[in-house]
PDB file of N, CA and C in Angstrom:
ATOM      1  N   GLN A   1       0.849  -1.159  -0.075  1.00  0.00           N
ATOM      2  CA  GLN A   1      -0.112  -0.017  -0.100  1.00  0.00           C
ATOM      3  C   GLN A   1       0.820   1.228   0.225  1.00  0.00           C
ATOM      4  N   LYS A   2       2.003   1.150   0.714  1.00  0.00           N
ATOM      5  CA  LYS A   2       2.822   2.509   1.079  1.00  0.00           C
ATOM      6  C   LYS A   2       3.329   2.867  -0.504  1.00  0.00           C
ATOM      7  N   ARG A   3       3.759   1.893  -1.326  1.00  0.00           N
ATOM      8  CA  ARG A   3       4.226   1.983  -2.678  1.00  0.00           C
ATOM      9  C   ARG A   3       3.141   2.626  -3.568  1.00  0.00           C
ATOM     10  N   GLU A   4       1.862   2.213  -3.548  1.00  0.00           N
ATOM     11  CA  GLU A   4       0.862   2.948  -4.246  1.00  0.00           C
ATOM     12  C   GLU A   4       0.565   4.321  -3.969  1.00  0.00           C
ATOM     13  N   HIS A   5       0.553   4.543  -2.622  1.00  0.00           N
ATOM     14  CA  HIS A   5       0.488   5.839  -2.184  1.00  0.00           C
ATOM     15  C   HIS A   5       1.554   6.798  -2.597  1.00  0.00           C
ATOM     16  N   LEU A   6       2.778   6.234  -2.639  1.00  0.00           N
ATOM     17  CA  LEU A   6       3.926   7.140  -3.163  1.00  0.00           C
ATOM     18  C   LEU A   6       3.823   7.310  -4.445  1.00  0.00           C
ATOM     19  N   VAL A   7       3.306   6.474  -5.287  1.00  0.00           N
ATOM     20  CA  VAL A   7       2.981   6.718  -6.710  1.00  0.00           C
ATOM     21  C   VAL A   7       1.850   7.730  -6.805  1.00  0.00           C
ATOM     22  N   LYS A   8       0.947   7.584  -6.252  1.00  0.00           N
ATOM     23  CA  LYS A   8      -0.085   8.637  -6.232  1.00  0.00           C
ATOM     24  C   LYS A   8       0.480   9.989  -5.928  1.00  0.00           C
ATOM     25  N   LEU A   9       1.269  10.222  -4.849  1.00  0.00           N
ATOM     26  CA  LEU A   9       1.806  11.625  -4.493  1.00  0.00           C
ATOM     27  C   LEU A   9       2.920  12.149  -5.743  1.00  0.00           C
ATOM     28  N   MET A  10       3.425  11.011  -6.224  1.00  0.00           N
ATOM     29  CA  MET A  10       4.433  11.737  -7.185  1.00  0.00           C
ATOM     30  C   MET A  10       3.838  11.941  -8.602  1.00  0.00           C
ATOM     31  N   SER A  11       2.492  11.307  -8.910  1.00  0.00           N
ATOM     32  CA  SER A  11       1.798  11.582 -10.152  1.00  0.00           C
ATOM     33  C   SER A  11       1.178  12.875  -9.934  1.00  0.00           C
ATOM     34  N   GLY A  12       0.645  13.356  -8.747  1.00  0.00           N
ATOM     35  CA  GLY A  12      -0.208  14.727  -8.507  1.00  0.00           C
ATOM     36  C   GLY A  12       0.810  15.681  -8.631  1.00  0.00           C
ATOM     37  N   THR A  13       0.095  16.969  -8.572  1.00  0.00           N
ATOM     38  CA  THR A  13       0.837  18.089  -8.740  1.00  0.00           C
ATOM     39  C   THR A  13       1.485  18.350  -7.540  1.00  0.00           C
ATOM     40  N   GLY A  14       2.622  18.891  -7.658  1.00  0.00           N
ATOM     41  CA  GLY A  14       3.645  19.200  -6.359  1.00  0.00           C
ATOM     42  C   GLY A  14       5.105  19.105  -6.763  1.00  0.00           C
ATOM     43  N   PRO A  15       5.955  19.335  -5.728  1.00  0.00           N
ATOM     44  CA  PRO A  15       7.348  19.122  -6.003  1.00  0.00           C
ATOM     45  C   PRO A  15       7.824  17.781  -6.265  1.00  0.00           C
ATOM     46  N   LEU A  16       7.127  16.735  -6.083  1.00  0.00           N
ATOM     47  CA  LEU A  16       7.703  15.361  -6.548  1.00  0.00           C
ATOM     48  C   LEU A  16       7.462  15.011  -7.825  1.00  0.00           C
ATOM     49  N   ARG A  17       6.582  15.501  -8.431  1.00  0.00           N
ATOM     50  CA  ARG A  17       6.165  14.980  -9.767  1.00  0.00           C
ATOM     51  C   ARG A  17       7.100  15.057 -11.040  1.00  0.00           C
ATOM     52  N   PRO A  18       8.297  16.025 -10.788  1.00  0.00           N
ATOM     53  CA  PRO A  18       9.319  15.923 -11.818  1.00  0.00           C
ATOM     54  C   PRO A  18      10.166  14.691 -11.879  1.00  0.00           C
ATOM     55  N   HIS A  19      10.148  13.986 -10.321  1.00  0.00           N
ATOM     56  CA  HIS A  19      10.819  13.032 -10.259  1.00  0.00           C
ATOM     57  C   HIS A  19      10.290  11.555 -10.469  1.00  0.00           C
ATOM     58  N   ALA A  20       9.261  11.521 -10.715  1.00  0.00           N
ATOM     59  CA  ALA A  20       8.186  10.288 -10.995  1.00  0.00           C
ATOM     60  C   ALA A  20       8.706   9.615 -12.273  1.00  0.00           C
ATOM     61  N   VAL A  21       9.240  10.124 -13.050  1.00  0.00           N
ATOM     62  CA  VAL A  21       9.780   9.335 -14.281  1.00  0.00           C
ATOM     63  C   VAL A  21      10.949   8.330 -13.928  1.00  0.00           C
ATOM     64  N   GLU A  22      11.636   8.854 -12.934  1.00  0.00           N
ATOM     65  CA  GLU A  22      12.721   8.138 -12.359  1.00  0.00           C
ATOM     66  C   GLU A  22      12.201   7.052 -11.276  1.00  0.00           C
ATOM     67  N   ILE A  23      11.295   7.413 -10.336  1.00  0.00           N
ATOM     68  CA  ILE A  23      10.911   6.663  -9.397  1.00  0.00           C
ATOM     69  C   ILE A  23       9.799   5.426  -9.503  1.00  0.00           C
ATOM     70  N   VAL A  24       8.713   6.085 -10.309  1.00  0.00           N
ATOM     71  CA  VAL A  24       7.706   5.258 -10.234  1.00  0.00           C
ATOM     72  C   VAL A  24       8.086   3.680 -11.119  1.00  0.00           C
ATOM     73  N   PRO A  25       9.014   3.843 -12.055  1.00  0.00           N
ATOM     74  CA  PRO A  25       9.485   2.364 -12.609  1.00  0.00           C
ATOM     75  C   PRO A  25       9.959   1.522 -11.552  1.00  0.00           C
ATOM     76  N   LEU A  26      10.878   2.012 -10.833  1.00  0.00           N
ATOM     77  CA  LEU A  26      11.494   1.202  -9.766  1.00  0.00           C
ATOM     78  C   LEU A  26      10.627   0.791  -8.753  1.00  0.00           C
ATOM     79  N   LEU A  27       9.478   1.656  -8.352  1.00  0.00           N
ATOM     80  CA  LEU A  27       8.506   1.057  -7.497  1.00  0.00           C
ATOM     81  C   LEU A  27       7.567   0.058  -8.158  1.00  0.00           C
ATOM     82  N   GLY A  28       7.508   0.123  -9.214  1.00  0.00           N
ATOM     83  CA  GLY A  28       6.728  -0.979 -10.062  1.00  0.00           C
ATOM     84  C   GLY A  28       7.332  -2.352  -9.961  1.00  0.00           C
ATOM     85  N   GLN A  29       8.627  -2.100 -10.043  1.00  0.00           N
ATOM     86  CA  GLN A  29       9.372  -3.375 -10.185  1.00  0.00           C
ATOM     87  C   GLN A  29       9.458  -3.914  -8.836  1.00  0.00           C
ATOM     88  N   LEU A  30       9.192  -3.408  -7.741  1.00  0.00           N
ATOM     89  CA  LEU A  30       9.086  -3.986  -6.387  1.00  0.00           C
ATOM     90  C   LEU A  30       7.985  -4.890  -6.281  1.00  0.00           C
ATOM     91  N   ALA A  31       6.929  -4.615  -6.993  1.00  0.00           N
ATOM     92  CA  ALA A  31       5.766  -5.365  -6.698  1.00  0.00           C
ATOM     93  C   ALA A  31       5.713  -7.140  -6.713  1.00  0.00           C
ATOM     94  N   GLU A  32       6.709  -7.317  -7.703  1.00  0.00           N
ATOM     95  CA  GLU A  32       7.120  -8.786  -7.772  1.00  0.00           C
ATOM     96  C   GLU A  32       7.468  -9.375  -6.359  1.00  0.00           C
ATOM     97  N   PHE A  33       8.058  -8.486  -5.438  1.00  0.00           N
ATOM     98  CA  PHE A  33       8.440  -8.934  -4.057  1.00  0.00           C
ATOM     99  C   PHE A  33       7.545  -9.087  -3.105  1.00  0.00           C
ATOM    100  N   ASP A  34       6.199  -8.703  -3.523  1.00  0.00           N
ATOM    101  CA  ASP A  34       5.078  -8.404  -2.202  1.00  0.00           C
ATOM    102  C   ASP A  34       4.785  -9.841  -1.477  1.00  0.00           C
ATOM    103  N   ALA A  35       4.901 -11.067  -2.304  1.00  0.00           N
ATOM    104  CA  ALA A  35       4.466 -12.279  -1.347  1.00  0.00           C
ATOM    105  C   ALA A  35       5.456 -12.447  -0.219  1.00  0.00           C
ATOM    106  N   PHE A  36       6.816 -12.345  -1.192  1.00  0.00           N
ATOM    107  CA  PHE A  36       8.113 -12.459  -0.128  1.00  0.00           C
ATOM    108  C   PHE A  36       8.272 -11.828   0.932  1.00  0.00           C
ATOM    109  N   ARG A  37       7.892 -10.261   0.821  1.00  0.00           N
ATOM    110  CA  ARG A  37       7.838  -9.400   1.707  1.00  0.00           C
ATOM    111  C   ARG A  37       6.720  -9.764   2.874  1.00  0.00           C
ATOM    112  N   ASN A  38       5.495 -10.159   2.372  1.00  0.00           N
ATOM    113  CA  ASN A  38       4.881 -10.556   3.493  1.00  0.00           C
ATOM    114  C   ASN A  38       4.895 -11.633   4.394  1.00  0.00           C
ATOM    115  N   LEU A  39       5.657 -12.710   3.641  1.00  0.00           N
ATOM    116  CA  LEU A  39       6.212 -13.801   4.276  1.00  0.00           C
ATOM    117  C   LEU A  39       7.257 -13.279   5.409  1.00  0.00           C
ATOM    118  N   MET A  40       8.323 -12.502   5.085  1.00  0.00           N
ATOM    119  CA  MET A  40       9.405 -12.173   5.846  1.00  0.00           C
ATOM    120  C   MET A  40       8.852 -11.283   6.896  1.00  0.00           C
ATOM    121  N   ALA A  41       7.795 -10.458   6.617  1.00  0.00           N
ATOM    122  CA  ALA A  41       7.322  -9.610   8.016  1.00  0.00           C
ATOM    123  C   ALA A  41       6.303 -10.569   8.771  1.00  0.00           C
ATOM    124  N   HIS A  42       5.500 -11.318   8.499  1.00  0.00           N
ATOM    125  CA  HIS A  42       4.541 -12.121   9.180  1.00  0.00           C
ATOM    126  C   HIS A  42       4.706 -13.622   9.103  1.00  0.00           C
ATOM    127  N   GLY A  43       5.653 -14.106   8.435  1.00  0.00           N
ATOM    128  CA  GLY A  43       5.529 -15.501   8.340  1.00  0.00           C
ATOM    129  C   GLY A  43       6.533 -16.121   9.253  1.00  0.00           C
ATOM    130  N   ILE A  44       6.778 -17.423   9.640  1.00  0.00           N
ATOM    131  CA  ILE A  44       7.636 -18.022  10.639  1.00  0.00           C
ATOM    132  C   ILE A  44       8.573 -19.011   9.727  1.00  0.00           C
ATOM    133  N   VAL A  45       9.790 -18.964  10.250  1.00  0.00           N
ATOM    134  CA  VAL A  45      10.865 -19.860   9.552  1.00  0.00           C
ATOM    135  C   VAL A  45      10.694 -21.344  10.334  1.00  0.00           C
ATOM    136  N   GLN A  46      10.710 -22.330   9.261  1.00  0.00           N
ATOM    137  CA  GLN A  46      10.658 -23.719   9.791  1.00  0.00           C
ATOM    138  C   GLN A  46      11.972 -24.617   9.218  1.00  0.00           C
ATOM    139  N   PRO A  47      12.655 -25.136  10.167  1.00  0.00           N
ATOM    140  CA  PRO A  47      13.799 -25.748   9.534  1.00  0.00           C
ATOM    141  C   PRO A  47      13.258 -27.370   8.998  1.00  0.00           C
ATOM    142  N   ASN A  48      13.578 -27.722   7.902  1.00  0.00           N
ATOM    143  CA  ASN A  48      13.001 -28.599   7.415  1.00  0.00           C
ATOM    144  C   ASN A  48      14.183 -30.110   7.291  1.00  0.00           C
ATOM    145  N   GLY A  49      15.230 -29.693   7.568  1.00  0.00           N
ATOM    146  CA  GLY A  49      16.238 -30.888   7.815  1.00  0.00           C
ATOM    147  C   GLY A  49      17.130 -30.927   6.544  1.00  0.00           C
ATOM    148  N   GLU A  50      17.113 -29.817   5.723  1.00  0.00           N
ATOM    149  CA  GLU A  50      18.028 -29.633   4.628  1.00  0.00           C
ATOM    150  C   GLU A  50      18.446 -28.056   4.580  1.00  0.00           C
ATOM    151  N   PRO A  51      19.600 -27.754   3.687  1.00  0.00           N
ATOM    152  CA  PRO A  51      19.708 -26.094   3.592  1.00  0.00           C
ATOM    153  C   PRO A  51      18.776 -25.476   2.889  1.00  0.00           C
ATOM    154  N   SER A  52      17.575 -25.035   3.748  1.00  0.00           N
ATOM    155  CA  SER A  52      16.668 -24.117   2.808  1.00  0.00           C
ATOM    156  C   SER A  52      15.970 -23.376   3.750  1.00  0.00           C
ATOM    157  N   TYR A  53      15.297 -22.377   3.396  1.00  0.00           N
ATOM    158  CA  TYR A  53      14.409 -21.766   4.393  1.00  0.00           C
ATOM    159  C   TYR A  53      12.962 -21.985   3.839  1.00  0.00           C
ATOM    160  N   VAL A  54      12.245 -22.190   4.869  1.00  0.00           N
ATOM    161  CA  VAL A  54      10.597 -22.524   4.448  1.00  0.00           C
ATOM    162  C   VAL A  54       9.842 -21.541   5.696  1.00  0.00           C
ATOM    163  N   PHE A  55       9.101 -20.882   4.809  1.00  0.00           N
ATOM    164  CA  PHE A  55       8.300 -19.749   5.405  1.00  0.00           C
ATOM    165  C   PHE A  55       6.785 -20.242   5.448  1.00  0.00           C
ATOM    166  N   ARG A  56       6.276 -20.099   6.338  1.00  0.00           N
ATOM    167  CA  ARG A  56       4.741 -20.448   6.530  1.00  0.00           C
ATOM    168  C   ARG A  56       3.985 -19.204   7.339  1.00  0.00           C
ATOM    169  N   MET A  57       2.994 -18.718   6.693  1.00  0.00           N
ATOM    170  CA  MET A  57       1.946 -17.966   7.270  1.00  0.00           C
ATOM    171  C   MET A  57       0.755 -18.484   7.174  1.00  0.00           C
ATOM    172  N   ILE A  58       0.008 -18.172   8.208  1.00  0.00           N
ATOM    173  CA  ILE A  58      -1.419 -18.666   8.359  1.00  0.00           C
ATOM    174  C   ILE A  58      -2.284 -17.306   8.641  1.00  0.00           C
ATOM    175  N   CYS A  59      -3.252 -17.204   7.713  1.00  0.00           N
ATOM    176  CA  CYS A  59      -4.097 -15.851   7.718  1.00  0.00           C
ATOM    177  C   CYS A  59      -5.533 -16.291   8.328  1.00  0.00           C
ATOM    178  N   SER A  60      -6.091 -15.633   8.863  1.00  0.00           N
ATOM    179  CA  SER A  60      -7.703 -15.575   9.316  1.00  0.00           C
ATOM    180  C   SER A  60      -8.437 -14.987   8.545  1.00  0.00           C
ATOM    181  N   SER A  61      -9.609 -15.572   8.079  1.00  0.00           N
ATOM    182  CA  SER A  61     -10.787 -14.662   7.275  1.00  0.00           C
ATOM    183  C   SER A  61     -11.929 -15.092   7.702  1.00  0.00           C
ATOM    184  N   SER A  62     -12.888 -14.509   7.192  1.00  0.00           N
ATOM    185  CA  SER A  62     -14.301 -14.920   7.680  1.00  0.00           C
ATOM    186  C   SER A  62     -14.519 -16.415   7.186  1.00  0.00           C
ATOM    187  N   ASP A  63     -13.879 -16.937   6.046  1.00  0.00           N
ATOM    188  CA  ASP A  63     -13.840 -18.127   5.729  1.00  0.00           C
ATOM    189  C   ASP A  63     -13.124 -19.326   6.617  1.00  0.00           C
ATOM    190  N   GLY A  64     -12.315 -18.751   7.373  1.00  0.00           N
ATOM    191  CA  GLY A  64     -11.560 -19.697   8.221  1.00  0.00           C
ATOM    192  C   GLY A  64     -10.130 -19.473   7.945  1.00  0.00           C
ATOM    193  N   PRO A  65      -9.238 -20.212   8.692  1.00  0.00           N
ATOM    194  CA  PRO A  65      -7.981 -19.973   8.408  1.00  0.00           C
ATOM    195  C   PRO A  65      -7.397 -20.488   7.031  1.00  0.00           C
ATOM    196  N   SER A  66      -6.201 -19.953   6.484  1.00  0.00           N
ATOM    197  CA  SER A  66      -5.786 -20.448   5.431  1.00  0.00           C
ATOM    198  C   SER A  66      -4.105 -20.248   5.210  1.00  0.00           C
ATOM    199  N   GLY A  67      -3.615 -21.096   5.060  1.00  0.00           N
ATOM    200  CA  GLY A  67      -1.976 -21.075   4.735  1.00  0.00           C
ATOM    201  C   GLY A  67      -1.415 -20.888   3.452  1.00  0.00           C
ATOM    202  N   PHE A  68      -0.144 -20.370   3.722  1.00  0.00           N
ATOM    203  CA  PHE A  68       0.849 -20.175   2.649  1.00  0.00           C
ATOM    204  C   PHE A  68       2.252 -20.748   2.996  1.00  0.00           C
ATOM    205  N   THR A  69       2.904 -21.301   2.107  1.00  0.00           N
ATOM    206  CA  THR A  69       4.103 -21.863   2.258  1.00  0.00           C
ATOM    207  C   THR A  69       5.014 -21.360   1.126  1.00  0.00           C
ATOM    208  N   PHE A  70       6.030 -20.879   1.695  1.00  0.00           N
ATOM    209  CA  PHE A  70       7.255 -20.529   0.544  1.00  0.00           C
ATOM    210  C   PHE A  70       8.361 -21.142   0.599  1.00  0.00           C
ATOM    211  N   ALA A  71       9.150 -22.036   0.082  1.00  0.00           N
ATOM    212  CA  ALA A  71      10.438 -22.269   0.299  1.00  0.00           C
ATOM    213  C   ALA A  71      11.614 -21.895  -0.762  1.00  0.00           C
ATOM    214  N   LEU A  72      12.748 -21.603  -0.083  1.00  0.00           N
ATOM    215  CA  LEU A  72      13.919 -20.949  -0.788  1.00  0.00           C
ATOM    216  C   LEU A  72      15.065 -21.762  -0.372  1.00  0.00           C
ATOM    217  N   THR A  73      15.842 -22.149  -1.360  1.00  0.00           N
ATOM    218  CA  THR A  73      17.283 -22.634  -0.873  1.00  0.00           C
ATOM    219  C   THR A  73      18.253 -21.527  -0.883  1.00  0.00           C
ATOM    220  N   PRO A  74      19.305 -21.649  -0.105  1.00  0.00           N
ATOM    221  CA  PRO A  74      20.216 -20.730   0.073  1.00  0.00           C
ATOM    222  C   PRO A  74      20.689 -20.129  -1.251  1.00  0.00           C
ATOM    223  N   SER A  75      20.713 -20.789  -2.449  1.00  0.00           N
ATOM    224  CA  SER A  75      21.270 -20.253  -3.595  1.00  0.00           C
ATOM    225  C   SER A  75      19.738 -19.174  -4.152  1.00  0.00           C
ATOM    226  N   GLU A  76      19.050 -19.821  -3.993  1.00  0.00           N
ATOM    227  CA  GLU A  76      17.648 -18.893  -4.496  1.00  0.00           C
ATOM    228  C   GLU A  76      17.363 -17.741  -3.822  1.00  0.00           C
ATOM    229  N   ALA A  77      17.654 -17.796  -2.251  1.00  0.00           N
ATOM    230  CA  ALA A  77      17.711 -16.675  -1.357  1.00  0.00           C
ATOM    231  C   ALA A  77      18.651 -15.514  -2.040  1.00  0.00           C
ATOM    232  N   GLN A  78      19.874 -16.018  -2.311  1.00  0.00           N
ATOM    233  CA  GLN A  78      21.136 -15.083  -2.554  1.00  0.00           C
ATOM    234  C   GLN A  78      20.504 -14.362  -3.937  1.00  0.00           C
ATOM    235  N   LYS A  79      20.137 -14.971  -5.005  1.00  0.00           N
ATOM    236  CA  LYS A  79      19.553 -14.637  -6.408  1.00  0.00           C
ATOM    237  C   LYS A  79      18.358 -13.403  -6.107  1.00  0.00           C
ATOM    238  N   LEU A  80      17.335 -13.746  -5.100  1.00  0.00           N
ATOM    239  CA  LEU A  80      16.284 -13.051  -4.806  1.00  0.00           C
ATOM    240  C   LEU A  80      17.023 -11.638  -4.087  1.00  0.00           C
ATOM    241  N   SER A  81      18.029 -11.860  -3.375  1.00  0.00           N
ATOM    242  CA  SER A  81      18.452 -10.730  -2.458  1.00  0.00           C
ATOM    243  C   SER A  81      19.128  -9.699  -3.661  1.00  0.00           C
ATOM    244  N   THR A  82      19.959 -10.278  -4.562  1.00  0.00           N
ATOM    245  CA  THR A  82      20.777  -9.807  -5.638  1.00  0.00           C
ATOM    246  C   THR A  82      19.809  -8.868  -6.351  1.00  0.00           C
ATOM    247  N   LYS A  83      18.637  -9.640  -6.911  1.00  0.00           N
ATOM    248  CA  LYS A  83      17.938  -8.880  -7.703  1.00  0.00           C
ATOM    249  C   LYS A  83      17.102  -7.753  -6.884  1.00  0.00           C
ATOM    250  N   LEU A  84      16.676  -7.936  -5.783  1.00  0.00           N
ATOM    251  CA  LEU A  84      16.234  -6.790  -5.136  1.00  0.00           C
ATOM    252  C   LEU A  84      16.904  -5.545  -4.766  1.00  0.00           C
ATOM    253  N   ALA A  85      18.239  -6.222  -4.427  1.00  0.00           N
ATOM    254  CA  ALA A  85      19.175  -5.109  -4.378  1.00  0.00           C
ATOM    255  C   ALA A  85      19.437  -4.151  -5.511  1.00  0.00           C
ATOM    256  N   LYS A  86      19.308  -4.500  -6.674  1.00  0.00           N
ATOM    257  CA  LYS A  86      19.454  -3.915  -7.940  1.00  0.00           C
ATOM    258  C   LYS A  86      18.327  -2.743  -8.191  1.00  0.00           C
ATOM    259  N   ILE A  87      17.380  -3.106  -7.613  1.00  0.00           N
ATOM    260  CA  ILE A  87      16.207  -2.174  -7.584  1.00  0.00           C
ATOM    261  C   ILE A  87      16.263  -1.135  -6.374  1.00  0.00           C
ATOM    262  N   ALA A  88      16.419  -1.770  -4.988  1.00  0.00           N
ATOM    263  CA  ALA A  88      16.378  -1.037  -3.875  1.00  0.00           C
ATOM    264  C   ALA A  88      17.524   0.150  -3.659  1.00  0.00           C
ATOM    265  N   VAL A  89      18.665  -0.111  -4.183  1.00  0.00           N
ATOM    266  CA  VAL A  89      19.999   0.607  -4.000  1.00  0.00           C
ATOM    267  C   VAL A  89      19.635   1.828  -4.935  1.00  0.00           C
ATOM    268  N   PRO A  90      19.475   1.659  -6.313  1.00  0.00           N
ATOM    269  CA  PRO A  90      19.018   3.100  -6.964  1.00  0.00           C
ATOM    270  C   PRO A  90      17.884   3.841  -6.504  1.00  0.00           C
ATOM    271  N   LEU A  91      16.788   3.084  -6.015  1.00  0.00           N
ATOM    272  CA  LEU A  91      15.571   3.685  -5.476  1.00  0.00           C
ATOM    273  C   LEU A  91      15.950   4.654  -4.342  1.00  0.00           C
ATOM    274  N   ALA A  92      16.579   4.029  -3.288  1.00  0.00           N
ATOM    275  CA  ALA A  92      17.013   4.630  -2.211  1.00  0.00           C
ATOM    276  C   ALA A  92      17.883   5.929  -2.576  1.00  0.00           C
ATOM    277  N   SER A  93      18.878   5.588  -3.422  1.00  0.00           N
ATOM    278  CA  SER A  93      19.808   6.695  -3.641  1.00  0.00           C
ATOM    279  C   SER A  93      18.858   8.066  -4.397  1.00  0.00           C
ATOM    280  N   LYS A  94      17.960   7.473  -5.361  1.00  0.00           N
ATOM    281  CA  LYS A  94      17.202   8.773  -6.003  1.00  0.00           C
ATOM    282  C   LYS A  94      16.428   9.456  -5.000  1.00  0.00           C
ATOM    283  N   LEU A  95      15.575   8.585  -3.892  1.00  0.00           N
ATOM    284  CA  LEU A  95      14.747   9.235  -2.895  1.00  0.00           C
ATOM    285  C   LEU A  95      15.471  10.083  -2.053  1.00  0.00           C
ATOM    286  N   GLU A  96      16.703   9.682  -1.675  1.00  0.00           N
ATOM    287  CA  GLU A  96      17.610  10.296  -0.581  1.00  0.00           C
ATOM    288  C   GLU A  96      18.066  11.564  -1.518  1.00  0.00           C
ATOM    289  N   ALA A  97      18.325  11.504  -2.744  1.00  0.00           N
ATOM    290  CA  ALA A  97      18.829  12.985  -3.533  1.00  0.00           C
ATOM    291  C   ALA A  97      17.514  13.984  -3.457  1.00  0.00           C
ATOM    292  N   ILE A  98      16.249  13.477  -3.895  1.00  0.00           N
ATOM    293  CA  ILE A  98      15.160  14.127  -3.825  1.00  0.00           C
ATOM    294  C   ILE A  98      14.870  14.870  -2.440  1.00  0.00           C
ATOM    295  N   ALA A  99      15.125  14.150  -1.334  1.00  0.00           N
ATOM    296  CA  ALA A  99      14.561  14.372  -0.149  1.00  0.00           C
ATOM    297  C   ALA A  99      15.830  15.702   0.310  1.00  0.00           C
ATOM    298  N   GLU A 100      17.088  15.561  -0.009  1.00  0.00           N
ATOM    299  CA  GLU A 100      17.994  16.630   0.263  1.00  0.00           C
ATOM    300  C   GLU A 100      17.800  17.828  -0.857  1.00  0.00           C
ATOM    301  N   SER A 101      17.298  17.789  -2.124  1.00  0.00           N
ATOM    302  CA  SER A 101      17.262  18.791  -2.778  1.00  0.00           C
ATOM    303  C   SER A 101      15.901  19.581  -2.169  1.00  0.00           C
ATOM    304  N   MET A 102      15.048  18.948  -1.872  1.00  0.00           N
ATOM    305  CA  MET A 102      13.689  19.667  -1.179  1.00  0.00           C
ATOM    306  C   MET A 102      14.186  20.145   0.160  1.00  0.00           C
ATOM    307  N   ASP A 103      15.005  19.670   0.799  1.00  0.00           N
ATOM    308  CA  ASP A 103      15.647  20.152   2.243  1.00  0.00           C
ATOM    309  C   ASP A 103      16.327  21.419   1.833  1.00  0.00           C
ATOM    310  N   LYS A 104      17.186  21.457   0.952  1.00  0.00           N
ATOM    311  CA  LYS A 104      18.062  22.678   0.568  1.00  0.00           C
ATOM    312  C   LYS A 104      16.975  23.706   0.059  1.00  0.00           C
ATOM    313  N   LEU A 105      16.115  23.382  -0.916  1.00  0.00           N
ATOM    314  CA  LEU A 105      14.923  24.402  -1.336  1.00  0.00           C
ATOM    315  C   LEU A 105      14.117  25.064  -0.014  1.00  0.00           C
ATOM    316  N   SER A 106      13.719  24.063   0.920  1.00  0.00           N
ATOM    317  CA  SER A 106      13.178  24.707   2.036  1.00  0.00           C
ATOM    318  C   SER A 106      13.992  25.655   2.908  1.00  0.00           C
ATOM    319  N   LYS A 107      15.203  25.317   3.045  1.00  0.00           N
ATOM    320  CA  LYS A 107      16.469  26.298   3.874  1.00  0.00           C
ATOM    321  C   LYS A 107      16.465  27.352   2.972  1.00  0.00           C
ATOM    322  N   ASP A 108      16.595  27.472   1.618  1.00  0.00           N
ATOM    323  CA  ASP A 108      16.786  28.566   0.866  1.00  0.00           C
ATOM    324  C   ASP A 108      15.582  29.500   0.893  1.00  0.00           C
ATOM    325  N   ARG A 109      14.379  28.795   0.750  1.00  0.00           N
ATOM    326  CA  ARG A 109      13.271  29.763   0.993  1.00  0.00           C
ATOM    327  C   ARG A 109      13.027  30.468   2.335  1.00  0.00           C
ATOM    328  N   ALA A 110      13.496  29.716   3.302  1.00  0.00           N
ATOM    329  CA  ALA A 110      13.391  30.379   4.851  1.00  0.00           C
ATOM    330  C   ALA A 110      14.428  31.501   4.909  1.00  0.00           C
ATOM    331  N   LYS A 111      15.365  31.325   4.078  1.00  0.00           N
ATOM    332  CA  LYS A 111      16.819  32.459   4.284  1.00  0.00           C
ATOM    333  C   LYS A 111      16.104  33.493   3.476  1.00  0.00           C
ATOM    334  N   LYS A 112      15.497  33.387   2.596  1.00  0.00           N
ATOM    335  CA  LYS A 112      15.151  34.090   1.726  1.00  0.00           C
ATOM    336  C   LYS A 112      13.893  35.097   2.450  1.00  0.00           C
ATOM    337  N   ASN A 113      13.108  34.402   2.957  1.00  0.00           N
ATOM    338  CA  ASN A 113      11.921  34.998   3.943  1.00  0.00           C
ATOM    339  C   ASN A 113      12.420  35.587   5.288  1.00  0.00           C
ATOM    340  N   GLY A 114      13.760  35.355   5.648  1.00  0.00           N
ATOM    341  CA  GLY A 114      14.425  36.048   6.722  1.00  0.00           C
ATOM    342  C   GLY A 114      14.049  35.170   8.168  1.00  0.00           C
ATOM    343  N   ARG A 115      13.750  33.818   7.794  1.00  0.00           N
ATOM    344  CA  ARG A 115      13.436  32.907   9.078  1.00  0.00           C
ATOM    345  C   ARG A 115      14.538  32.331   9.645  1.00  0.00           C
TER     346      ARG A 115
END
């Protein structure tokens, strides 16, 4: 949900809009990691006797409990981590640069207004 909110903020009128062309595609690439993120945030790890990670999540709804299991070998986990880093590192860098430029702009305006 936070990703969708950020896309809306960047697509509307305002100081973030000029940066949308760089940021929105990176945010879109993060969507493929949603299931993995949910398991990492809300699931549990179960050892299964071999070198792998097994994540299990139980959800409750009006229809009763339902479960989801996701298993990764260490090499699959490493590949996923590498793929995620290729998106997250540039995204974090761009967002940091935007925040710094907006902070500078705010300080410049405050100086101009004598605050």
